[in-house]
PDB file of N, CA and C in Angstrom:
ATOM      1  N   MET A   1       0.802  -1.214   0.011  1.00  0.00           N
ATOM      2  CA  MET A   1      -0.074   0.040   0.006  1.00  0.00           C
ATOM      3  C   MET A   1       0.825   1.251   0.084  1.00  0.00           C
ATOM      4  N   PRO A   2       0.660   2.184  -0.995  1.00  0.00           N
ATOM      5  CA  PRO A   2       1.400   3.319  -0.944  1.00  0.00           C
ATOM      6  C   PRO A   2       1.300   4.257   0.206  1.00  0.00           C
ATOM      7  N   PRO A   3       2.174   5.179   0.564  1.00  0.00           N
ATOM      8  CA  PRO A   3       1.879   6.141   1.680  1.00  0.00           C
ATOM      9  C   PRO A   3       0.733   7.007   1.073  1.00  0.00           C
ATOM     10  N   ASP A   4       0.391   7.982   1.949  1.00  0.00           N
ATOM     11  CA  ASP A   4      -0.702   8.964   1.591  1.00  0.00           C
ATOM     12  C   ASP A   4      -0.256   9.642   0.276  1.00  0.00           C
ATOM     13  N   GLY A   5      -1.283   9.876  -0.465  1.00  0.00           N
ATOM     14  CA  GLY A   5      -0.828  10.626  -1.788  1.00  0.00           C
ATOM     15  C   GLY A   5      -1.586   9.899  -2.942  1.00  0.00           C
ATOM     16  N   ASP A   6      -1.348  10.490  -4.132  1.00  0.00           N
ATOM     17  CA  ASP A   6      -2.089   9.878  -5.257  1.00  0.00           C
ATOM     18  C   ASP A   6      -1.555   8.492  -5.734  1.00  0.00           C
ATOM     19  N   ALA A   7      -2.319   7.557  -5.451  1.00  0.00           N
ATOM     20  CA  ALA A   7      -1.988   6.175  -5.733  1.00  0.00           C
ATOM     21  C   ALA A   7      -1.499   6.009  -7.162  1.00  0.00           C
ATOM     22  N   THR A   8      -2.293   6.665  -8.127  1.00  0.00           N
ATOM     23  CA  THR A   8      -1.957   6.418  -9.483  1.00  0.00           C
ATOM     24  C   THR A   8      -0.601   6.991  -9.877  1.00  0.00           C
ATOM     25  N   VAL A   9      -0.087   8.000  -9.352  1.00  0.00           N
ATOM     26  CA  VAL A   9       1.122   8.657  -9.606  1.00  0.00           C
ATOM     27  C   VAL A   9       2.207   7.785  -8.905  1.00  0.00           C
ATOM     28  N   PHE A  10       2.071   7.347  -7.704  1.00  0.00           N
ATOM     29  CA  PHE A  10       2.856   6.361  -6.976  1.00  0.00           C
ATOM     30  C   PHE A  10       3.078   5.215  -7.698  1.00  0.00           C
ATOM     31  N   ASP A  11       2.004   4.492  -8.134  1.00  0.00           N
ATOM     32  CA  ASP A  11       2.091   3.315  -8.923  1.00  0.00           C
ATOM     33  C   ASP A  11       2.907   3.453 -10.214  1.00  0.00           C
ATOM     34  N   HIS A  12       2.688   4.518 -10.965  1.00  0.00           N
ATOM     35  CA  HIS A  12       3.494   4.855 -12.126  1.00  0.00           C
ATOM     36  C   HIS A  12       4.969   4.821 -11.880  1.00  0.00           C
ATOM     37  N   TYR A  13       5.288   5.620 -10.867  1.00  0.00           N
ATOM     38  CA  TYR A  13       6.822   5.699 -10.447  1.00  0.00           C
ATOM     39  C   TYR A  13       7.242   4.317  -9.944  1.00  0.00           C
ATOM     40  N   ARG A  14       6.417   3.566  -9.305  1.00  0.00           N
ATOM     41  CA  ARG A  14       6.864   2.356  -8.829  1.00  0.00           C
ATOM     42  C   ARG A  14       7.235   1.336 -10.017  1.00  0.00           C
ATOM     43  N   THR A  15       6.386   1.330 -10.926  1.00  0.00           N
ATOM     44  CA  THR A  15       6.545   0.528 -12.152  1.00  0.00           C
ATOM     45  C   THR A  15       7.696   0.942 -13.021  1.00  0.00           C
ATOM     46  N   GLU A  16       8.020   2.319 -12.924  1.00  0.00           N
ATOM     47  CA  GLU A  16       9.169   2.759 -13.610  1.00  0.00           C
ATOM     48  C   GLU A  16      10.511   2.365 -12.974  1.00  0.00           C
ATOM     49  N   VAL A  17      10.553   2.343 -11.641  1.00  0.00           N
ATOM     50  CA  VAL A  17      11.709   1.989 -10.872  1.00  0.00           C
ATOM     51  C   VAL A  17      11.914   0.607 -11.174  1.00  0.00           C
ATOM     52  N   GLU A  18      10.989  -0.355 -11.077  1.00  0.00           N
ATOM     53  CA  GLU A  18      11.144  -1.837 -11.407  1.00  0.00           C
ATOM     54  C   GLU A  18      11.530  -2.067 -12.697  1.00  0.00           C
ATOM     55  N   ALA A  19      11.021  -1.262 -13.700  1.00  0.00           N
ATOM     56  CA  ALA A  19      11.325  -1.625 -15.098  1.00  0.00           C
ATOM     57  C   ALA A  19      12.729  -1.016 -15.416  1.00  0.00           C
ATOM     58  N   MET A  20      13.103   0.095 -14.939  1.00  0.00           N
ATOM     59  CA  MET A  20      14.488   0.591 -15.256  1.00  0.00           C
ATOM     60  C   MET A  20      15.509  -0.372 -14.734  1.00  0.00           C
ATOM     61  N   LEU A  21      15.260  -0.837 -13.572  1.00  0.00           N
ATOM     62  CA  LEU A  21      16.321  -1.829 -12.993  1.00  0.00           C
ATOM     63  C   LEU A  21      16.278  -3.203 -13.796  1.00  0.00           C
ATOM     64  N   ALA A  22      14.956  -3.647 -14.140  1.00  0.00           N
ATOM     65  CA  ALA A  22      14.929  -4.893 -14.848  1.00  0.00           C
ATOM     66  C   ALA A  22      15.666  -4.850 -16.047  1.00  0.00           C
ATOM     67  N   VAL A  23      15.760  -3.659 -16.828  1.00  0.00           N
ATOM     68  CA  VAL A  23      16.459  -3.621 -18.008  1.00  0.00           C
ATOM     69  C   VAL A  23      17.889  -3.307 -17.831  1.00  0.00           C
ATOM     70  N   GLY A  24      18.473  -3.165 -16.678  1.00  0.00           N
ATOM     71  CA  GLY A  24      19.860  -2.944 -16.433  1.00  0.00           C
ATOM     72  C   GLY A  24      20.170  -1.481 -16.258  1.00  0.00           C
ATOM     73  N   ARG A  25      19.283  -0.603 -16.118  1.00  0.00           N
ATOM     74  CA  ARG A  25      19.696   0.805 -15.856  1.00  0.00           C
ATOM     75  C   ARG A  25      20.321   0.864 -14.458  1.00  0.00           C
ATOM     76  N   PRO A  26      21.251   1.791 -14.337  1.00  0.00           N
ATOM     77  CA  PRO A  26      21.891   1.846 -12.891  1.00  0.00           C
ATOM     78  C   PRO A  26      20.878   2.547 -11.940  1.00  0.00           C
ATOM     79  N   LEU A  27      21.330   2.283 -10.702  1.00  0.00           N
ATOM     80  CA  LEU A  27      20.542   2.789  -9.560  1.00  0.00           C
ATOM     81  C   LEU A  27      20.495   4.254  -9.635  1.00  0.00           C
ATOM     82  N   GLY A  28      21.558   4.908 -10.018  1.00  0.00           N
ATOM     83  CA  GLY A  28      21.719   6.229 -10.126  1.00  0.00           C
ATOM     84  C   GLY A  28      20.548   6.925 -11.084  1.00  0.00           C
ATOM     85  N   ALA A  29      20.278   6.237 -12.157  1.00  0.00           N
ATOM     86  CA  ALA A  29      19.172   6.670 -13.001  1.00  0.00           C
ATOM     87  C   ALA A  29      17.854   6.725 -12.304  1.00  0.00           C
ATOM     88  N   ASP A  30      17.584   5.762 -11.561  1.00  0.00           N
ATOM     89  CA  ASP A  30      16.273   5.635 -10.741  1.00  0.00           C
ATOM     90  C   ASP A  30      16.342   6.955  -9.833  1.00  0.00           C
ATOM     91  N   VAL A  31      17.488   6.997  -9.160  1.00  0.00           N
ATOM     92  CA  VAL A  31      17.532   8.246  -8.154  1.00  0.00           C
ATOM     93  C   VAL A  31      17.350   9.529  -8.837  1.00  0.00           C
ATOM     94  N   ARG A  32      17.884   9.800  -9.925  1.00  0.00           N
ATOM     95  CA  ARG A  32      17.689  11.062 -10.709  1.00  0.00           C
ATOM     96  C   ARG A  32      16.315  11.226 -11.087  1.00  0.00           C
ATOM     97  N   MET A  33      15.687  10.050 -11.634  1.00  0.00           N
ATOM     98  CA  MET A  33      14.234  10.096 -12.052  1.00  0.00           C
ATOM     99  C   MET A  33      13.396  10.562 -10.843  1.00  0.00           C
ATOM    100  N   LEU A  34      13.651   9.842  -9.731  1.00  0.00           N
ATOM    101  CA  LEU A  34      12.801  10.165  -8.445  1.00  0.00           C
ATOM    102  C   LEU A  34      12.957  11.490  -7.942  1.00  0.00           C
ATOM    103  N   GLU A  35      14.138  12.103  -8.129  1.00  0.00           N
ATOM    104  CA  GLU A  35      14.350  13.524  -7.688  1.00  0.00           C
ATOM    105  C   GLU A  35      13.562  14.471  -8.321  1.00  0.00           C
ATOM    106  N   ARG A  36      13.211  14.300  -9.645  1.00  0.00           N
ATOM    107  CA  ARG A  36      12.390  15.139 -10.514  1.00  0.00           C
ATOM    108  C   ARG A  36      10.820  14.672 -10.362  1.00  0.00           C
ATOM    109  N   ALA A  37      10.528  13.551  -9.853  1.00  0.00           N
ATOM    110  CA  ALA A  37       9.108  13.007  -9.845  1.00  0.00           C
ATOM    111  C   ALA A  37       8.237  13.913  -9.037  1.00  0.00           C
ATOM    112  N   PRO A  38       6.993  14.197  -9.485  1.00  0.00           N
ATOM    113  CA  PRO A  38       6.122  15.137  -8.674  1.00  0.00           C
ATOM    114  C   PRO A  38       5.271  14.322  -7.623  1.00  0.00           C
ATOM    115  N   ILE A  39       6.066  13.833  -6.697  1.00  0.00           N
ATOM    116  CA  ILE A  39       5.462  13.071  -5.579  1.00  0.00           C
ATOM    117  C   ILE A  39       6.106  13.620  -4.210  1.00  0.00           C
ATOM    118  N   GLY A  40       5.425  13.273  -3.207  1.00  0.00           N
ATOM    119  CA  GLY A  40       5.802  13.724  -1.927  1.00  0.00           C
ATOM    120  C   GLY A  40       7.160  13.092  -1.382  1.00  0.00           C
ATOM    121  N   ALA A  41       7.650  13.646  -0.311  1.00  0.00           N
ATOM    122  CA  ALA A  41       8.847  13.211   0.290  1.00  0.00           C
ATOM    123  C   ALA A  41       8.734  11.638   0.722  1.00  0.00           C
ATOM    124  N   ASP A  42       7.625  11.329   1.346  1.00  0.00           N
ATOM    125  CA  ASP A  42       7.430   9.966   1.874  1.00  0.00           C
ATOM    126  C   ASP A  42       7.364   8.941   0.726  1.00  0.00           C
ATOM    127  N   GLU A  43       6.603   9.335  -0.324  1.00  0.00           N
ATOM    128  CA  GLU A  43       6.483   8.433  -1.600  1.00  0.00           C
ATOM    129  C   GLU A  43       8.012   8.369  -2.170  1.00  0.00           C
ATOM    130  N   ARG A  44       8.560   9.364  -2.225  1.00  0.00           N
ATOM    131  CA  ARG A  44       9.968   9.304  -3.010  1.00  0.00           C
ATOM    132  C   ARG A  44      10.898   8.504  -2.063  1.00  0.00           C
ATOM    133  N   SER A  45      10.924   8.621  -0.770  1.00  0.00           N
ATOM    134  CA  SER A  45      11.768   7.704   0.112  1.00  0.00           C
ATOM    135  C   SER A  45      11.402   6.167  -0.031  1.00  0.00           C
ATOM    136  N   VAL A  46      10.043   5.870  -0.065  1.00  0.00           N
ATOM    137  CA  VAL A  46       9.590   4.484  -0.239  1.00  0.00           C
ATOM    138  C   VAL A  46      10.178   3.897  -1.534  1.00  0.00           C
ATOM    139  N   LEU A  47      10.060   4.783  -2.692  1.00  0.00           N
ATOM    140  CA  LEU A  47      10.575   4.298  -3.917  1.00  0.00           C
ATOM    141  C   LEU A  47      12.108   4.122  -4.030  1.00  0.00           C
ATOM    142  N   TRP A  48      12.687   5.043  -3.348  1.00  0.00           N
ATOM    143  CA  TRP A  48      14.151   5.063  -3.234  1.00  0.00           C
ATOM    144  C   TRP A  48      14.612   3.768  -2.578  1.00  0.00           C
ATOM    145  N   LEU A  49      14.050   3.385  -1.429  1.00  0.00           N
ATOM    146  CA  LEU A  49      14.280   2.177  -0.729  1.00  0.00           C
ATOM    147  C   LEU A  49      14.049   0.990  -1.608  1.00  0.00           C
ATOM    148  N   LEU A  50      12.856   1.020  -2.294  1.00  0.00           N
ATOM    149  CA  LEU A  50      12.535  -0.089  -3.233  1.00  0.00           C
ATOM    150  C   LEU A  50      13.561  -0.356  -4.274  1.00  0.00           C
ATOM    151  N   ALA A  51      14.010   0.829  -4.913  1.00  0.00           N
ATOM    152  CA  ALA A  51      15.131   0.665  -5.905  1.00  0.00           C
ATOM    153  C   ALA A  51      16.345   0.358  -5.394  1.00  0.00           C
ATOM    154  N   SER A  52      16.671   0.709  -4.097  1.00  0.00           N
ATOM    155  CA  SER A  52      18.092   0.124  -3.505  1.00  0.00           C
ATOM    156  C   SER A  52      17.966  -1.309  -3.183  1.00  0.00           C
ATOM    157  N   ALA A  53      16.711  -1.881  -2.837  1.00  0.00           N
ATOM    158  CA  ALA A  53      16.591  -3.250  -2.468  1.00  0.00           C
ATOM    159  C   ALA A  53      16.614  -4.032  -3.766  1.00  0.00           C
ATOM    160  N   LEU A  54      15.877  -3.594  -4.829  1.00  0.00           N
ATOM    161  CA  LEU A  54      15.882  -4.269  -6.072  1.00  0.00           C
ATOM    162  C   LEU A  54      17.342  -4.286  -6.669  1.00  0.00           C
ATOM    163  N   ASP A  55      18.063  -3.180  -6.536  1.00  0.00           N
ATOM    164  CA  ASP A  55      19.323  -3.066  -7.098  1.00  0.00           C
ATOM    165  C   ASP A  55      20.387  -4.191  -6.650  1.00  0.00           C
ATOM    166  N   GLU A  56      20.013  -4.456  -5.514  1.00  0.00           N
ATOM    167  CA  GLU A  56      21.023  -5.542  -4.662  1.00  0.00           C
ATOM    168  C   GLU A  56      20.678  -6.885  -5.052  1.00  0.00           C
ATOM    169  N   SER A  57      19.307  -7.045  -5.399  1.00  0.00           N
ATOM    170  CA  SER A  57      18.775  -8.354  -5.476  1.00  0.00           C
ATOM    171  C   SER A  57      18.661  -8.823  -6.943  1.00  0.00           C
ATOM    172  N   VAL A  58      18.727  -8.062  -7.937  1.00  0.00           N
ATOM    173  CA  VAL A  58      18.564  -8.386  -9.278  1.00  0.00           C
ATOM    174  C   VAL A  58      19.982  -8.481  -9.948  1.00  0.00           C
ATOM    175  N   GLY A  59      20.098  -9.699 -10.573  1.00  0.00           N
ATOM    176  CA  GLY A  59      21.470  -9.963 -11.096  1.00  0.00           C
ATOM    177  C   GLY A  59      21.292 -11.034 -12.174  1.00  0.00           C
ATOM    178  N   PRO A  60      22.395 -11.539 -12.835  1.00  0.00           N
ATOM    179  CA  PRO A  60      22.322 -12.520 -13.721  1.00  0.00           C
ATOM    180  C   PRO A  60      21.646 -13.734 -13.286  1.00  0.00           C
ATOM    181  N   VAL A  61      21.737 -14.135 -12.137  1.00  0.00           N
ATOM    182  CA  VAL A  61      21.195 -15.409 -11.565  1.00  0.00           C
ATOM    183  C   VAL A  61      19.877 -15.367 -11.130  1.00  0.00           C
ATOM    184  N   GLU A  62      19.324 -14.048 -11.128  1.00  0.00           N
ATOM    185  CA  GLU A  62      17.925 -13.838 -10.713  1.00  0.00           C
ATOM    186  C   GLU A  62      17.115 -12.935 -11.667  1.00  0.00           C
ATOM    187  N   PRO A  63      16.589 -13.636 -12.813  1.00  0.00           N
ATOM    188  CA  PRO A  63      16.009 -12.860 -13.842  1.00  0.00           C
ATOM    189  C   PRO A  63      14.620 -12.332 -13.257  1.00  0.00           C
ATOM    190  N   VAL A  64      14.274 -11.133 -13.783  1.00  0.00           N
ATOM    191  CA  VAL A  64      12.919 -10.433 -13.399  1.00  0.00           C
ATOM    192  C   VAL A  64      12.234 -10.370 -14.722  1.00  0.00           C
ATOM    193  N   GLU A  65      10.976 -10.730 -14.688  1.00  0.00           N
ATOM    194  CA  GLU A  65       9.931 -10.575 -15.702  1.00  0.00           C
ATOM    195  C   GLU A  65       8.837  -9.717 -15.286  1.00  0.00           C
ATOM    196  N   LEU A  66       8.576  -8.663 -15.975  1.00  0.00           N
ATOM    197  CA  LEU A  66       7.510  -7.798 -15.542  1.00  0.00           C
ATOM    198  C   LEU A  66       6.235  -8.140 -16.361  1.00  0.00           C
ATOM    199  N   THR A  67       5.221  -8.261 -15.608  1.00  0.00           N
ATOM    200  CA  THR A  67       3.825  -8.617 -16.286  1.00  0.00           C
ATOM    201  C   THR A  67       2.839  -7.652 -15.853  1.00  0.00           C
ATOM    202  N   LEU A  68       2.247  -7.131 -16.909  1.00  0.00           N
ATOM    203  CA  LEU A  68       1.137  -6.129 -16.681  1.00  0.00           C
ATOM    204  C   LEU A  68      -0.144  -6.887 -16.452  1.00  0.00           C
ATOM    205  N   VAL A  69      -0.775  -6.512 -15.361  1.00  0.00           N
ATOM    206  CA  VAL A  69      -2.160  -7.112 -14.937  1.00  0.00           C
ATOM    207  C   VAL A  69      -3.202  -6.114 -14.886  1.00  0.00           C
ATOM    208  N   GLU A  70      -4.340  -6.526 -15.072  1.00  0.00           N
ATOM    209  CA  GLU A  70      -5.479  -5.627 -15.132  1.00  0.00           C
ATOM    210  C   GLU A  70      -5.659  -5.132 -13.668  1.00  0.00           C
ATOM    211  N   ASP A  71      -5.974  -3.807 -13.473  1.00  0.00           N
ATOM    212  CA  ASP A  71      -6.402  -3.307 -12.135  1.00  0.00           C
ATOM    213  C   ASP A  71      -5.001  -3.249 -11.176  1.00  0.00           C
ATOM    214  N   GLY A  72      -3.897  -3.059 -11.797  1.00  0.00           N
ATOM    215  CA  GLY A  72      -2.768  -2.981 -10.841  1.00  0.00           C
ATOM    216  C   GLY A  72      -1.509  -3.787 -11.233  1.00  0.00           C
ATOM    217  N   ALA A  73      -0.537  -3.671 -10.530  1.00  0.00           N
ATOM    218  CA  ALA A  73       0.624  -4.426 -10.873  1.00  0.00           C
ATOM    219  C   ALA A  73       0.801  -5.611  -9.868  1.00  0.00           C
ATOM    220  N   SER A  74       1.379  -6.719 -10.323  1.00  0.00           N
ATOM    221  CA  SER A  74       1.543  -7.927  -9.581  1.00  0.00           C
ATOM    222  C   SER A  74       2.726  -7.781  -8.680  1.00  0.00           C
ATOM    223  N   ASP A  75       2.707  -8.138  -7.512  1.00  0.00           N
ATOM    224  CA  ASP A  75       3.886  -8.236  -6.629  1.00  0.00           C
ATOM    225  C   ASP A  75       4.512  -9.570  -6.643  1.00  0.00           C
ATOM    226  N   ARG A  76       3.982 -10.532  -7.438  1.00  0.00           N
ATOM    227  CA  ARG A  76       4.441 -11.831  -7.377  1.00  0.00           C
ATOM    228  C   ARG A  76       5.892 -11.941  -8.151  1.00  0.00           C
ATOM    229  N   ARG A  77       6.701 -12.607  -7.543  1.00  0.00           N
ATOM    230  CA  ARG A  77       8.032 -12.836  -8.361  1.00  0.00           C
ATOM    231  C   ARG A  77       7.893 -13.988  -9.446  1.00  0.00           C
ATOM    232  N   VAL A  78       8.602 -13.773 -10.598  1.00  0.00           N
ATOM    233  CA  VAL A  78       8.438 -14.840 -11.679  1.00  0.00           C
ATOM    234  C   VAL A  78       9.853 -15.391 -11.725  1.00  0.00           C
ATOM    235  N   HIS A  79       9.881 -16.732 -11.653  1.00  0.00           N
ATOM    236  CA  HIS A  79      11.103 -17.489 -11.867  1.00  0.00           C
ATOM    237  C   HIS A  79      10.953 -18.415 -13.020  1.00  0.00           C
ATOM    238  N   ARG A  80      12.004 -18.605 -13.713  1.00  0.00           N
ATOM    239  CA  ARG A  80      11.905 -19.607 -14.864  1.00  0.00           C
ATOM    240  C   ARG A  80      12.738 -20.846 -14.603  1.00  0.00           C
TER     241      ARG A  80
END
């Protein structure tokens, strides 16, 4: 559940964070994007922590597959 704020904007930036890291963009790219995002400080902090955690856990031995689902994004991890 996102912190107080516009869930649609928060969800958009959460998806962006996940997608950028999944395609190999550096953590710094996420940080720069979040610095310019029109979101509150709490939402920015949550997304920065998410990016940091994903950056440490995503690697060549742990592939990430993003799946668009109706009415929101899935939190389920996908392993092949």
